[in-house]
Amino acid sequence: MILDSRSSRRTRSRLPPISVSIQVIYNDMLVLEKLRAAYKAAQL
């Protein structure tokens, strides 16, 4: 039963790989922009 639940979780996570990866990349870009702005503000 544990193996079945794991496999179902894997298939669920595999279903939308492209949209999830795009969302993660977009979030990372937003975080990088915030860090960059904070670094520039600290430098000034």
N, C-alpha and C. Protein backbone atom coordinates (compact mmCIF):
# COMPACT_ATOMS: atom_id res chain seq x y z
N MET A 1 0.83 -1.21 0.00
CA MET A 1 0.00 0.00 0.00
C MET A 1 0.87 1.26 0.00
N ILE A 2 2.00 1.22 0.72
CA ILE A 2 2.88 2.39 0.75
C ILE A 2 3.46 2.63 -0.64
N LEU A 3 3.88 1.54 -1.30
CA LEU A 3 4.45 1.69 -2.64
C LEU A 3 3.41 2.27 -3.59
N ASP A 4 2.15 1.83 -3.46
CA ASP A 4 1.10 2.34 -4.34
C ASP A 4 0.92 3.84 -4.14
N SER A 5 0.90 4.28 -2.90
CA SER A 5 0.71 5.71 -2.64
C SER A 5 1.90 6.50 -3.20
N ARG A 6 3.10 5.96 -3.08
CA ARG A 6 4.27 6.66 -3.61
C ARG A 6 4.18 6.79 -5.12
N SER A 7 3.79 5.69 -5.78
CA SER A 7 3.71 5.72 -7.24
C SER A 7 2.64 6.71 -7.68
N SER A 8 1.52 6.75 -6.96
CA SER A 8 0.45 7.69 -7.33
C SER A 8 0.94 9.12 -7.15
N ARG A 9 1.72 9.37 -6.09
CA ARG A 9 2.26 10.72 -5.89
C ARG A 9 3.20 11.07 -7.04
N ARG A 10 4.02 10.12 -7.44
CA ARG A 10 4.97 10.39 -8.53
C ARG A 10 4.22 10.74 -9.81
N THR A 11 3.20 9.94 -10.14
CA THR A 11 2.46 10.20 -11.37
C THR A 11 1.75 11.55 -11.28
N ARG A 12 1.23 11.88 -10.10
CA ARG A 12 0.56 13.18 -9.94
C ARG A 12 1.56 14.32 -10.16
N SER A 13 2.76 14.18 -9.62
CA SER A 13 3.75 15.23 -9.77
C SER A 13 4.25 15.29 -11.21
N ARG A 14 4.20 14.16 -11.92
CA ARG A 14 4.67 14.15 -13.31
C ARG A 14 3.64 14.73 -14.28
N LEU A 15 2.39 14.78 -13.86
CA LEU A 15 1.33 15.20 -14.79
C LEU A 15 1.59 16.60 -15.36
N PRO A 16 1.82 17.64 -14.56
CA PRO A 16 2.09 18.96 -15.14
C PRO A 16 3.54 19.39 -14.97
N PRO A 17 4.49 18.77 -15.67
CA PRO A 17 5.89 19.11 -15.43
C PRO A 17 6.28 20.46 -16.02
N ILE A 18 5.73 20.78 -17.19
CA ILE A 18 6.13 22.01 -17.87
C ILE A 18 5.63 23.23 -17.10
N SER A 19 4.35 23.22 -16.74
CA SER A 19 3.79 24.37 -16.03
C SER A 19 4.48 24.55 -14.67
N VAL A 20 4.75 23.46 -13.99
CA VAL A 20 5.40 23.55 -12.67
C VAL A 20 6.81 24.11 -12.83
N SER A 21 7.56 23.63 -13.82
CA SER A 21 8.93 24.12 -14.01
C SER A 21 8.92 25.60 -14.37
N ILE A 22 7.96 26.01 -15.21
CA ILE A 22 7.87 27.43 -15.58
C ILE A 22 7.56 28.27 -14.34
N GLN A 23 6.66 27.77 -13.50
CA GLN A 23 6.30 28.50 -12.27
C GLN A 23 7.52 28.63 -11.36
N VAL A 24 8.28 27.55 -11.22
CA VAL A 24 9.47 27.57 -10.35
C VAL A 24 10.50 28.55 -10.91
N ILE A 25 10.73 28.50 -12.22
CA ILE A 25 11.71 29.40 -12.84
C ILE A 25 11.26 30.85 -12.67
N TYR A 26 9.95 31.10 -12.86
CA TYR A 26 9.42 32.46 -12.72
C TYR A 26 9.62 32.96 -11.29
N ASN A 27 9.33 32.10 -10.31
CA ASN A 27 9.51 32.49 -8.90
C ASN A 27 10.98 32.77 -8.61
N ASP A 28 11.88 31.93 -9.16
CA ASP A 28 13.31 32.14 -8.94
C ASP A 28 13.74 33.48 -9.52
N MET A 29 13.21 33.82 -10.71
CA MET A 29 13.57 35.09 -11.34
C MET A 29 13.10 36.26 -10.48
N LEU A 30 11.89 36.14 -9.92
CA LEU A 30 11.38 37.22 -9.06
C LEU A 30 12.27 37.38 -7.83
N VAL A 31 12.68 36.26 -7.24
CA VAL A 31 13.54 36.32 -6.05
C VAL A 31 14.89 36.94 -6.41
N LEU A 32 15.44 36.56 -7.56
CA LEU A 32 16.73 37.12 -7.97
C LEU A 32 16.62 38.62 -8.19
N GLU A 33 15.51 39.06 -8.80
CA GLU A 33 15.32 40.50 -9.02
C GLU A 33 15.25 41.24 -7.69
N LYS A 34 14.55 40.66 -6.71
CA LYS A 34 14.44 41.30 -5.39
C LYS A 34 15.81 41.38 -4.73
N LEU A 35 16.59 40.30 -4.82
CA LEU A 35 17.92 40.29 -4.21
C LEU A 35 18.81 41.32 -4.90
N ARG A 36 18.70 41.40 -6.23
CA ARG A 36 19.52 42.35 -6.98
C ARG A 36 19.18 43.79 -6.58
N ALA A 37 17.89 44.07 -6.46
CA ALA A 37 17.46 45.43 -6.07
C ALA A 37 17.94 45.74 -4.65
N ALA A 38 17.83 44.78 -3.75
CA ALA A 38 18.27 45.00 -2.37
C ALA A 38 19.78 45.22 -2.32
N TYR A 39 20.53 44.47 -3.14
CA TYR A 39 21.99 44.62 -3.16
C TYR A 39 22.37 46.00 -3.68
N LYS A 40 21.69 46.45 -4.75
CA LYS A 40 21.98 47.78 -5.29
C LYS A 40 21.66 48.85 -4.26
N ALA A 41 20.53 48.71 -3.56
CA ALA A 41 20.15 49.69 -2.54
C ALA A 41 21.19 49.71 -1.42
N ALA A 42 21.71 48.55 -1.05
CA ALA A 42 22.71 48.47 0.02
C ALA A 42 24.02 49.12 -0.45
N GLN A 43 24.37 48.92 -1.72
CA GLN A 43 25.60 49.50 -2.25
C GLN A 43 25.51 51.03 -2.24
N LEU A 44 24.33 51.55 -2.59
CA LEU A 44 24.17 53.01 -2.62
C LEU A 44 24.11 53.55 -1.20
